[in-house]
Amino acid sequence: MLAKWAAFFVFVSIPLLAILPLAGLLYHLSAEQMLHCAVGLWAGAAALSILSTLVAGLTSGLEKAGAVFSLIILPLSIPIL
């Protein structure tokens, strides 16, 4: 399960961080501001991917896993967003 999380995190965070310099140029951000955005994107992507992995593990054996997954993950992901 750790390998799945690491693969998901790498494939989500690398495109986000690759697009960040272009977004920084469009919004006229300084290098320091882009660094803060990069750290925030990296930390947020890591937190959301860990949260979704844990909740998926908790609900994997349930019949109505989709509904339970949504009910568990929504209140936990709002503070991260």
Protein backbone atom coordinates (compact mmCIF):
# COMPACT_ATOMS: atom_id res chain seq x y z
CA MET A 1 0.00 0.00 0.00
CA LEU A 2 2.93 2.32 0.64
CA ALA A 3 4.14 1.82 -2.93
CA LYS A 4 0.72 2.79 -4.29
CA TRP A 5 0.74 5.94 -2.17
CA ALA A 6 4.26 6.86 -3.26
CA ALA A 7 3.42 6.36 -6.94
CA PHE A 8 0.25 8.43 -6.64
CA PHE A 9 2.09 11.18 -4.78
CA VAL A 10 4.90 11.32 -7.34
CA PHE A 11 2.52 11.43 -10.30
CA VAL A 12 0.42 14.16 -8.67
CA SER A 13 3.11 16.37 -7.15
CA ILE A 14 5.56 16.42 -10.06
CA PRO A 15 3.07 17.93 -12.56
CA LEU A 16 1.91 20.44 -9.95
CA LEU A 17 5.44 21.55 -9.22
CA ALA A 18 6.32 21.58 -12.93
CA ILE A 19 3.47 23.99 -13.72
CA LEU A 20 4.24 26.27 -10.77
CA PRO A 21 6.89 28.46 -12.52
CA LEU A 22 4.48 29.17 -15.37
CA ALA A 23 1.72 30.07 -12.91
CA GLY A 24 4.19 32.24 -11.00
CA LEU A 25 5.02 34.16 -14.15
CA LEU A 26 1.36 34.64 -15.00
CA TYR A 27 0.60 35.99 -11.52
CA HIS A 28 3.87 38.01 -11.25
CA LEU A 29 5.07 36.14 -8.17
CA SER A 30 8.55 36.62 -6.76
CA ALA A 31 10.90 33.69 -6.19
CA GLU A 32 10.13 33.72 -2.47
CA GLN A 33 6.40 33.59 -3.12
CA MET A 34 6.83 30.73 -5.58
CA LEU A 35 8.86 28.86 -2.97
CA HIS A 36 6.01 29.27 -0.47
CA CYS A 37 3.54 28.04 -3.08
CA ALA A 38 5.74 25.04 -3.89
CA VAL A 39 5.99 24.05 -0.22
CA GLY A 40 2.24 24.47 0.21
CA LEU A 41 1.43 22.43 -2.88
CA TRP A 42 3.83 19.71 -1.85
CA ALA A 43 2.51 19.51 1.72
CA GLY A 44 -1.14 19.67 0.63
CA ALA A 45 -0.71 16.97 -2.01
CA ALA A 46 1.06 14.74 0.51
CA ALA A 47 -1.61 15.26 3.16
CA LEU A 48 -4.51 14.62 0.77
CA SER A 49 -2.91 11.52 -0.70
CA ILE A 50 -2.15 10.07 2.74
CA LEU A 51 -5.69 10.84 3.89
CA SER A 52 -7.26 9.22 0.84
CA THR A 53 -5.03 6.15 1.20
CA LEU A 54 -5.97 5.70 4.85
CA VAL A 55 -9.69 6.13 4.22
CA ALA A 56 -9.55 3.76 1.23
CA GLY A 57 -7.92 1.18 3.47
CA LEU A 58 -10.62 1.63 6.10
CA THR A 59 -13.49 1.29 3.65
CA SER A 60 -12.08 -1.38 1.34
CA GLY A 61 -14.15 -4.26 2.69
CA LEU A 62 -17.49 -2.49 3.00
CA GLU A 63 -20.49 -2.96 0.71
CA LYS A 64 -21.36 0.73 0.29
CA ALA A 65 -17.76 1.91 0.37
CA GLY A 66 -18.33 4.92 -1.88
CA ALA A 67 -20.86 6.57 0.41
CA VAL A 68 -18.88 5.81 3.56
CA PHE A 69 -15.67 7.03 1.87
CA SER A 70 -17.30 10.38 1.08
CA LEU A 71 -18.71 10.76 4.56
CA ILE A 72 -15.34 10.10 6.15
CA ILE A 73 -13.06 12.01 3.79
CA LEU A 74 -15.01 15.25 3.29
CA PRO A 75 -14.84 16.53 6.89
CA LEU A 76 -11.18 15.55 7.14
CA SER A 77 -10.08 17.10 3.84
CA ILE A 78 -11.72 20.52 4.27
CA PRO A 79 -9.07 21.81 6.75
CA ILE A 80 -6.31 20.68 4.39
CA LEU A 81 -7.79 22.55 1.47
